[in-house]
PDB file of all heavy atoms in Angstrom:
ATOM      1  N   LEU A   1       0.860  -1.195   0.007  1.00  0.00           N
ATOM      2  CA  LEU A   1       0.000   0.042   0.012  1.00  0.00           C
ATOM      3  C   LEU A   1       0.805   1.274   0.004  1.00  0.00           C
ATOM      4  O   LEU A   1       0.545   2.239  -0.613  1.00  0.00           O
ATOM      5  CB  LEU A   1      -0.872  -0.034   1.291  1.00  0.00           C
ATOM      6  CG  LEU A   1      -1.883   1.194   1.427  1.00  0.00           C
ATOM      7  CD1 LEU A   1      -2.834   1.318   0.339  1.00  0.00           C
ATOM      8  CD2 LEU A   1      -2.505   1.111   2.725  1.00  0.00           C
ATOM      9  N   PHE A   2       1.980   1.167   0.676  1.00  0.00           N
ATOM     10  CA  PHE A   2       2.897   2.366   0.761  1.00  0.00           C
ATOM     11  C   PHE A   2       4.002   2.261  -0.270  1.00  0.00           C
ATOM     12  O   PHE A   2       4.919   1.480  -0.124  1.00  0.00           O
ATOM     13  CB  PHE A   2       3.427   2.417   2.166  1.00  0.00           C
ATOM     14  CG  PHE A   2       2.366   2.764   3.215  1.00  0.00           C
ATOM     15  CD1 PHE A   2       1.709   1.711   3.891  1.00  0.00           C
ATOM     16  CD2 PHE A   2       2.010   4.019   3.565  1.00  0.00           C
ATOM     17  CE1 PHE A   2       0.716   2.045   4.769  1.00  0.00           C
ATOM     18  CE2 PHE A   2       1.035   4.391   4.539  1.00  0.00           C
ATOM     19  CZ  PHE A   2       0.386   3.325   5.122  1.00  0.00           C
ATOM     20  N   ARG A   3       3.849   3.091  -1.280  1.00  0.00           N
ATOM     21  CA  ARG A   3       4.698   3.028  -2.398  1.00  0.00           C
ATOM     22  C   ARG A   3       5.806   4.086  -2.337  1.00  0.00           C
ATOM     23  O   ARG A   3       5.600   5.154  -1.752  1.00  0.00           O
ATOM     24  CB  ARG A   3       3.918   3.150  -3.743  1.00  0.00           C
ATOM     25  CG  ARG A   3       2.930   2.031  -3.893  1.00  0.00           C
ATOM     26  CD  ARG A   3       2.228   2.110  -5.225  1.00  0.00           C
ATOM     27  NE  ARG A   3       1.405   0.937  -5.431  1.00  0.00           N
ATOM     28  CZ  ARG A   3       0.702   0.773  -6.577  1.00  0.00           C
ATOM     29  NH1 ARG A   3       0.610   1.702  -7.570  1.00  0.00           N
ATOM     30  NH2 ARG A   3       0.013  -0.333  -6.771  1.00  0.00           N
ATOM     31  N   PRO A   4       6.907   3.894  -3.046  1.00  0.00           N
ATOM     32  CA  PRO A   4       7.996   4.919  -2.977  1.00  0.00           C
ATOM     33  C   PRO A   4       7.633   6.349  -3.450  1.00  0.00           C
ATOM     34  O   PRO A   4       8.207   7.330  -3.050  1.00  0.00           O
ATOM     35  CB  PRO A   4       9.038   4.326  -3.864  1.00  0.00           C
ATOM     36  CG  PRO A   4       8.829   2.834  -3.830  1.00  0.00           C
ATOM     37  CD  PRO A   4       7.365   2.691  -3.761  1.00  0.00           C
ATOM     38  N   GLU A   5       6.574   6.395  -4.314  1.00  0.00           N
ATOM     39  CA  GLU A   5       6.077   7.722  -4.778  1.00  0.00           C
ATOM     40  C   GLU A   5       5.774   8.642  -3.589  1.00  0.00           C
ATOM     41  O   GLU A   5       5.713   9.875  -3.782  1.00  0.00           O
ATOM     42  CB  GLU A   5       4.902   7.553  -5.681  1.00  0.00           C
ATOM     43  CG  GLU A   5       5.256   6.953  -7.046  1.00  0.00           C
ATOM     44  CD  GLU A   5       5.440   5.422  -7.086  1.00  0.00           C
ATOM     45  OE1 GLU A   5       5.264   4.817  -5.978  1.00  0.00           O
ATOM     46  OE2 GLU A   5       5.616   4.824  -8.171  1.00  0.00           O
ATOM     47  N   LEU A   6       5.349   8.074  -2.469  1.00  0.00           N
ATOM     48  CA  LEU A   6       4.960   8.913  -1.350  1.00  0.00           C
ATOM     49  C   LEU A   6       6.108   9.819  -0.894  1.00  0.00           C
ATOM     50  O   LEU A   6       5.916  10.903  -0.371  1.00  0.00           O
ATOM     51  CB  LEU A   6       4.575   8.009  -0.145  1.00  0.00           C
ATOM     52  CG  LEU A   6       3.176   7.349  -0.228  1.00  0.00           C
ATOM     53  CD1 LEU A   6       3.024   6.397   1.004  1.00  0.00           C
ATOM     54  CD2 LEU A   6       2.075   8.391  -0.230  1.00  0.00           C
ATOM     55  N   LEU A   7       7.377   9.300  -1.051  1.00  0.00           N
ATOM     56  CA  LEU A   7       8.523  10.050  -0.668  1.00  0.00           C
ATOM     57  C   LEU A   7       8.794  11.286  -1.466  1.00  0.00           C
ATOM     58  O   LEU A   7       9.545  12.212  -1.066  1.00  0.00           O
ATOM     59  CB  LEU A   7       9.757   9.105  -0.694  1.00  0.00           C
ATOM     60  CG  LEU A   7       9.678   7.860   0.132  1.00  0.00           C
ATOM     61  CD1 LEU A   7      10.966   7.008  -0.021  1.00  0.00           C
ATOM     62  CD2 LEU A   7       9.454   8.198   1.601  1.00  0.00           C
ATOM     63  N   ASP A   8       8.095  11.436  -2.607  1.00  0.00           N
ATOM     64  CA  ASP A   8       8.201  12.607  -3.498  1.00  0.00           C
ATOM     65  C   ASP A   8       7.360  13.698  -3.076  1.00  0.00           C
ATOM     66  O   ASP A   8       7.478  14.839  -3.581  1.00  0.00           O
ATOM     67  CB  ASP A   8       7.939  12.231  -4.941  1.00  0.00           C
ATOM     68  CG  ASP A   8       8.948  11.160  -5.470  1.00  0.00           C
ATOM     69  OD1 ASP A   8      10.132  11.154  -5.092  1.00  0.00           O
ATOM     70  OD2 ASP A   8       8.500  10.371  -6.329  1.00  0.00           O
ATOM     71  N   ASP A   9       6.345  13.463  -2.202  1.00  0.00           N
ATOM     72  CA  ASP A   9       5.439  14.502  -1.742  1.00  0.00           C
ATOM     73  C   ASP A   9       6.096  15.336  -0.643  1.00  0.00           C
ATOM     74  O   ASP A   9       6.362  14.848   0.393  1.00  0.00           O
ATOM     75  CB  ASP A   9       4.102  13.880  -1.313  1.00  0.00           C
ATOM     76  CG  ASP A   9       3.077  14.960  -1.008  1.00  0.00           C
ATOM     77  OD1 ASP A   9       2.566  15.572  -1.914  1.00  0.00           O
ATOM     78  OD2 ASP A   9       2.873  15.236   0.161  1.00  0.00           O
ATOM     79  N   PRO A  10       6.158  16.653  -0.882  1.00  0.00           N
ATOM     80  CA  PRO A  10       6.846  17.520   0.174  1.00  0.00           C
ATOM     81  C   PRO A  10       6.046  17.687   1.429  1.00  0.00           C
ATOM     82  O   PRO A  10       6.620  18.114   2.380  1.00  0.00           O
ATOM     83  CB  PRO A  10       7.107  18.817  -0.569  1.00  0.00           C
ATOM     84  CG  PRO A  10       5.980  18.856  -1.618  1.00  0.00           C
ATOM     85  CD  PRO A  10       5.787  17.429  -2.082  1.00  0.00           C
ATOM     86  N   ALA A  11       4.820  17.334   1.417  1.00  0.00           N
ATOM     87  CA  ALA A  11       3.979  17.510   2.621  1.00  0.00           C
ATOM     88  C   ALA A  11       3.792  16.287   3.444  1.00  0.00           C
ATOM     89  O   ALA A  11       3.132  16.267   4.456  1.00  0.00           O
ATOM     90  CB  ALA A  11       2.585  18.179   2.230  1.00  0.00           C
ATOM     91  N   THR A  12       4.413  15.176   2.956  1.00  0.00           N
ATOM     92  CA  THR A  12       4.207  13.922   3.624  1.00  0.00           C
ATOM     93  C   THR A  12       5.387  13.402   4.295  1.00  0.00           C
ATOM     94  O   THR A  12       6.522  13.406   3.641  1.00  0.00           O
ATOM     95  CB  THR A  12       3.696  12.839   2.593  1.00  0.00           C
ATOM     96  OG1 THR A  12       2.444  13.247   2.007  1.00  0.00           O
ATOM     97  CG2 THR A  12       3.490  11.417   3.277  1.00  0.00           C
ATOM     98  N   PHE A  13       5.312  13.008   5.538  1.00  0.00           N
ATOM     99  CA  PHE A  13       6.490  12.557   6.387  1.00  0.00           C
ATOM    100  C   PHE A  13       6.106  11.256   7.031  1.00  0.00           C
ATOM    101  O   PHE A  13       5.247  11.231   7.855  1.00  0.00           O
ATOM    102  CB  PHE A  13       6.856  13.618   7.454  1.00  0.00           C
ATOM    103  CG  PHE A  13       7.261  14.923   6.823  1.00  0.00           C
ATOM    104  CD1 PHE A  13       6.300  15.821   6.378  1.00  0.00           C
ATOM    105  CD2 PHE A  13       8.656  15.210   6.646  1.00  0.00           C
ATOM    106  CE1 PHE A  13       6.707  16.991   5.832  1.00  0.00           C
ATOM    107  CE2 PHE A  13       8.997  16.414   6.079  1.00  0.00           C
ATOM    108  CZ  PHE A  13       8.005  17.377   5.698  1.00  0.00           C
ATOM    109  N   VAL A  14       6.782  10.191   6.520  1.00  0.00           N
ATOM    110  CA  VAL A  14       6.598   8.917   7.188  1.00  0.00           C
ATOM    111  C   VAL A  14       7.565   8.770   8.361  1.00  0.00           C
ATOM    112  O   VAL A  14       8.774   8.919   8.209  1.00  0.00           O
ATOM    113  CB  VAL A  14       6.835   7.766   6.188  1.00  0.00           C
ATOM    114  CG1 VAL A  14       6.663   6.389   6.819  1.00  0.00           C
ATOM    115  CG2 VAL A  14       5.891   7.924   4.947  1.00  0.00           C
ATOM    116  N   LEU A  15       7.027   8.522   9.549  1.00  0.00           N
ATOM    117  CA  LEU A  15       7.785   8.625  10.781  1.00  0.00           C
ATOM    118  C   LEU A  15       7.992   7.233  11.284  1.00  0.00           C
ATOM    119  O   LEU A  15       7.078   6.409  11.525  1.00  0.00           O
ATOM    120  CB  LEU A  15       7.114   9.483  11.875  1.00  0.00           C
ATOM    121  CG  LEU A  15       6.645  10.927  11.365  1.00  0.00           C
ATOM    122  CD1 LEU A  15       5.847  11.583  12.457  1.00  0.00           C
ATOM    123  CD2 LEU A  15       7.864  11.728  11.035  1.00  0.00           C
ATOM    124  N   ALA A  16       9.291   6.865  11.565  1.00  0.00           N
ATOM    125  CA  ALA A  16       9.691   5.541  12.069  1.00  0.00           C
ATOM    126  C   ALA A  16      10.254   5.596  13.423  1.00  0.00           C
ATOM    127  O   ALA A  16      11.197   6.376  13.647  1.00  0.00           O
ATOM    128  CB  ALA A  16      10.600   4.893  11.089  1.00  0.00           C
ATOM    129  N   GLY A  17       9.715   4.893  14.353  1.00  0.00           N
ATOM    130  CA  GLY A  17      10.350   4.661  15.721  1.00  0.00           C
ATOM    131  C   GLY A  17      11.163   3.416  15.736  1.00  0.00           C
ATOM    132  O   GLY A  17      10.632   2.321  15.299  1.00  0.00           O
ATOM    133  N   ARG A  18      12.396   3.492  16.083  1.00  0.00           N
ATOM    134  CA  ARG A  18      13.360   2.360  15.960  1.00  0.00           C
ATOM    135  C   ARG A  18      13.702   1.911  17.398  1.00  0.00           C
ATOM    136  O   ARG A  18      13.949   2.670  18.246  1.00  0.00           O
ATOM    137  CB  ARG A  18      14.589   2.760  15.214  1.00  0.00           C
ATOM    138  CG  ARG A  18      14.380   3.085  13.734  1.00  0.00           C
ATOM    139  CD  ARG A  18      15.694   3.484  13.148  1.00  0.00           C
ATOM    140  NE  ARG A  18      15.611   3.903  11.781  1.00  0.00           N
ATOM    141  CZ  ARG A  18      16.210   3.231  10.793  1.00  0.00           C
ATOM    142  NH1 ARG A  18      16.838   2.138  10.960  1.00  0.00           N
ATOM    143  NH2 ARG A  18      16.190   3.743   9.521  1.00  0.00           N
ATOM    144  N   SER A  19      13.911   0.569  17.444  1.00  0.00           N
ATOM    145  CA  SER A  19      14.404  -0.075  18.641  1.00  0.00           C
ATOM    146  C   SER A  19      15.923   0.115  18.678  1.00  0.00           C
ATOM    147  O   SER A  19      16.556   0.651  17.706  1.00  0.00           O
ATOM    148  CB  SER A  19      14.018  -1.497  18.745  1.00  0.00           C
ATOM    149  OG  SER A  19      14.639  -2.208  17.601  1.00  0.00           O
ATOM    150  N   ALA A  20      16.584  -0.330  19.756  1.00  0.00           N
ATOM    151  CA  ALA A  20      18.014  -0.210  19.907  1.00  0.00           C
ATOM    152  C   ALA A  20      18.734  -0.877  18.858  1.00  0.00           C
ATOM    153  O   ALA A  20      19.882  -0.486  18.430  1.00  0.00           O
ATOM    154  CB  ALA A  20      18.481  -0.649  21.255  1.00  0.00           C
ATOM    155  N   ASP A  21      18.191  -2.011  18.291  1.00  0.00           N
ATOM    156  CA  ASP A  21      18.892  -2.727  17.288  1.00  0.00           C
ATOM    157  C   ASP A  21      18.588  -2.213  15.827  1.00  0.00           C
ATOM    158  O   ASP A  21      18.880  -2.816  14.861  1.00  0.00           O
ATOM    159  CB  ASP A  21      18.570  -4.223  17.345  1.00  0.00           C
ATOM    160  CG  ASP A  21      17.101  -4.556  17.229  1.00  0.00           C
ATOM    161  OD1 ASP A  21      16.279  -3.610  16.955  1.00  0.00           O
ATOM    162  OD2 ASP A  21      16.651  -5.752  17.462  1.00  0.00           O
ATOM    163  N   GLY A  22      17.829  -1.158  15.786  1.00  0.00           N
ATOM    164  CA  GLY A  22      17.584  -0.439  14.472  1.00  0.00           C
ATOM    165  C   GLY A  22      16.342  -0.864  13.736  1.00  0.00           C
ATOM    166  O   GLY A  22      16.078  -0.383  12.675  1.00  0.00           O
ATOM    167  N   HIS A  23      15.518  -1.829  14.328  1.00  0.00           N
ATOM    168  CA  HIS A  23      14.348  -2.272  13.661  1.00  0.00           C
ATOM    169  C   HIS A  23      13.186  -1.294  13.907  1.00  0.00           C
ATOM    170  O   HIS A  23      13.099  -0.654  14.946  1.00  0.00           O
ATOM    171  CB  HIS A  23      13.873  -3.601  14.216  1.00  0.00           C
ATOM    172  CG  HIS A  23      14.761  -4.727  13.764  1.00  0.00           C
ATOM    173  ND1 HIS A  23      15.919  -5.128  14.469  1.00  0.00           N
ATOM    174  CD2 HIS A  23      14.803  -5.477  12.627  1.00  0.00           C
ATOM    175  CE1 HIS A  23      16.461  -6.144  13.831  1.00  0.00           C
ATOM    176  NE2 HIS A  23      15.851  -6.412  12.702  1.00  0.00           N
ATOM    177  N   VAL A  24      12.312  -1.077  12.863  1.00  0.00           N
ATOM    178  CA  VAL A  24      11.147  -0.305  12.995  1.00  0.00           C
ATOM    179  C   VAL A  24      10.121  -1.000  13.844  1.00  0.00           C
ATOM    180  O   VAL A  24       9.683  -2.093  13.480  1.00  0.00           O
ATOM    181  CB  VAL A  24      10.525   0.114  11.626  1.00  0.00           C
ATOM    182  CG1 VAL A  24       9.310   0.879  11.734  1.00  0.00           C
ATOM    183  CG2 VAL A  24      11.544   0.853  10.739  1.00  0.00           C
ATOM    184  N   VAL A  25       9.739  -0.399  14.977  1.00  0.00           N
ATOM    185  CA  VAL A  25       8.759  -1.047  15.848  1.00  0.00           C
ATOM    186  C   VAL A  25       7.553  -0.153  16.097  1.00  0.00           C
ATOM    187  O   VAL A  25       6.626  -0.545  16.755  1.00  0.00           O
ATOM    188  CB  VAL A  25       9.433  -1.473  17.170  1.00  0.00           C
ATOM    189  CG1 VAL A  25      10.463  -2.492  16.966  1.00  0.00           C
ATOM    190  CG2 VAL A  25      10.036  -0.223  17.894  1.00  0.00           C
ATOM    191  N   ALA A  26       7.544   1.078  15.633  1.00  0.00           N
ATOM    192  CA  ALA A  26       6.423   1.929  15.787  1.00  0.00           C
ATOM    193  C   ALA A  26       6.489   3.016  14.658  1.00  0.00           C
ATOM    194  O   ALA A  26       7.503   3.174  14.028  1.00  0.00           O
ATOM    195  CB  ALA A  26       6.415   2.683  17.169  1.00  0.00           C
ATOM    196  N   GLY A  27       5.364   3.688  14.374  1.00  0.00           N
ATOM    197  CA  GLY A  27       5.374   4.589  13.362  1.00  0.00           C
ATOM    198  C   GLY A  27       4.010   5.315  13.153  1.00  0.00           C
ATOM    199  O   GLY A  27       3.048   5.063  13.811  1.00  0.00           O
ATOM    200  N   ALA A  28       4.116   6.246  12.209  1.00  0.00           N
ATOM    201  CA  ALA A  28       2.943   7.065  11.846  1.00  0.00           C
ATOM    202  C   ALA A  28       3.268   7.795  10.586  1.00  0.00           C
ATOM    203  O   ALA A  28       4.444   7.847  10.128  1.00  0.00           O
ATOM    204  CB  ALA A  28       2.588   8.100  12.993  1.00  0.00           C
ATOM    205  N   VAL A  29       2.199   8.423  10.015  1.00  0.00           N
ATOM    206  CA  VAL A  29       2.420   9.313   8.913  1.00  0.00           C
ATOM    207  C   VAL A  29       1.923  10.677   9.340  1.00  0.00           C
ATOM    208  O   VAL A  29       0.815  10.890   9.889  1.00  0.00           O
ATOM    209  CB  VAL A  29       1.632   8.865   7.641  1.00  0.00           C
ATOM    210  CG1 VAL A  29       1.691   9.925   6.516  1.00  0.00           C
ATOM    211  CG2 VAL A  29       2.103   7.474   7.195  1.00  0.00           C
ATOM    212  N   ALA A  30       2.762  11.726   9.064  1.00  0.00           N
ATOM    213  CA  ALA A  30       2.422  13.106   9.304  1.00  0.00           C
ATOM    214  C   ALA A  30       2.156  13.801   7.932  1.00  0.00           C
ATOM    215  O   ALA A  30       3.052  13.677   7.063  1.00  0.00           O
ATOM    216  CB  ALA A  30       3.521  13.823  10.095  1.00  0.00           C
ATOM    217  N   SER A  31       1.072  14.512   7.884  1.00  0.00           N
ATOM    218  CA  SER A  31       0.742  15.199   6.627  1.00  0.00           C
ATOM    219  C   SER A  31       0.511  16.642   6.945  1.00  0.00           C
ATOM    220  O   SER A  31      -0.419  17.103   7.594  1.00  0.00           O
ATOM    221  CB  SER A  31      -0.565  14.665   6.003  1.00  0.00           C
ATOM    222  OG  SER A  31      -0.515  13.301   5.889  1.00  0.00           O
ATOM    223  N   ARG A  32       1.447  17.555   6.415  1.00  0.00           N
ATOM    224  CA  ARG A  32       1.370  18.927   6.708  1.00  0.00           C
ATOM    225  C   ARG A  32       0.473  19.698   5.775  1.00  0.00           C
ATOM    226  O   ARG A  32       0.470  19.389   4.590  1.00  0.00           O
ATOM    227  CB  ARG A  32       2.786  19.572   6.605  1.00  0.00           C
ATOM    228  CG  ARG A  32       2.776  21.057   6.959  1.00  0.00           C
ATOM    229  CD  ARG A  32       4.127  21.622   6.844  1.00  0.00           C
ATOM    230  NE  ARG A  32       4.035  23.130   7.147  1.00  0.00           N
ATOM    231  CZ  ARG A  32       5.074  23.869   7.266  1.00  0.00           C
ATOM    232  NH1 ARG A  32       6.311  23.425   7.081  1.00  0.00           N
ATOM    233  NH2 ARG A  32       4.938  25.164   7.510  1.00  0.00           N
ATOM    234  N   SER A  33      -0.330  20.557   6.324  1.00  0.00           N
ATOM    235  CA  SER A  33      -1.123  21.503   5.512  1.00  0.00           C
ATOM    236  C   SER A  33      -0.831  22.907   6.026  1.00  0.00           C
ATOM    237  O   SER A  33       0.048  23.090   6.979  1.00  0.00           O
ATOM    238  CB  SER A  33      -2.571  21.195   5.514  1.00  0.00           C
ATOM    239  OG  SER A  33      -3.088  20.986   6.840  1.00  0.00           O
ATOM    240  N   ASP A  34      -1.524  23.890   5.603  1.00  0.00           N
ATOM    241  CA  ASP A  34      -1.238  25.274   5.967  1.00  0.00           C
ATOM    242  C   ASP A  34      -1.340  25.519   7.459  1.00  0.00           C
ATOM    243  O   ASP A  34      -0.530  26.258   8.049  1.00  0.00           O
ATOM    244  CB  ASP A  34      -2.125  26.272   5.212  1.00  0.00           C
ATOM    245  CG  ASP A  34      -1.811  26.284   3.768  1.00  0.00           C
ATOM    246  OD1 ASP A  34      -0.673  25.885   3.343  1.00  0.00           O
ATOM    247  OD2 ASP A  34      -2.666  26.709   2.898  1.00  0.00           O
ATOM    248  N   GLN A  35      -2.349  24.960   8.087  1.00  0.00           N
ATOM    249  CA  GLN A  35      -2.631  25.339   9.486  1.00  0.00           C
ATOM    250  C   GLN A  35      -2.380  24.251  10.489  1.00  0.00           C
ATOM    251  O   GLN A  35      -2.339  24.474  11.724  1.00  0.00           O
ATOM    252  CB  GLN A  35      -4.101  25.773   9.619  1.00  0.00           C
ATOM    253  CG  GLN A  35      -4.436  26.894   8.622  1.00  0.00           C
ATOM    254  CD  GLN A  35      -5.955  27.198   8.755  1.00  0.00           C
ATOM    255  OE1 GLN A  35      -6.433  27.827   9.702  1.00  0.00           O
ATOM    256  NE2 GLN A  35      -6.669  26.932   7.696  1.00  0.00           N
ATOM    257  N   VAL A  36      -2.232  23.024  10.044  1.00  0.00           N
ATOM    258  CA  VAL A  36      -2.173  21.860  10.986  1.00  0.00           C
ATOM    259  C   VAL A  36      -1.234  20.775  10.365  1.00  0.00           C
ATOM    260  O   VAL A  36      -0.853  20.788   9.183  1.00  0.00           O
ATOM    261  CB  VAL A  36      -3.533  21.228  11.328  1.00  0.00           C
ATOM    262  CG1 VAL A  36      -4.395  22.169  12.082  1.00  0.00           C
ATOM    263  CG2 VAL A  36      -4.122  20.699   9.999  1.00  0.00           C
ATOM    264  N   VAL A  37      -0.895  19.844  11.270  1.00  0.00           N
ATOM    265  CA  VAL A  37      -0.270  18.605  10.810  1.00  0.00           C
ATOM    266  C   VAL A  37      -1.171  17.439  11.113  1.00  0.00           C
ATOM    267  O   VAL A  37      -1.690  17.337  12.225  1.00  0.00           O
ATOM    268  CB  VAL A  37       1.088  18.333  11.531  1.00  0.00           C
ATOM    269  CG1 VAL A  37       1.696  16.992  11.044  1.00  0.00           C
ATOM    270  CG2 VAL A  37       2.055  19.495  11.237  1.00  0.00           C
TER     271      VAL A  37
END
């Protein structure tokens, strides 16, 4: 569902929380607009 084209959008930020060994164990997507995220 999440394709590399998302990384080209300047208002989209995929956020990754990593464990001590570097694995992604939590995350979210932040979408910026004029007044809010």
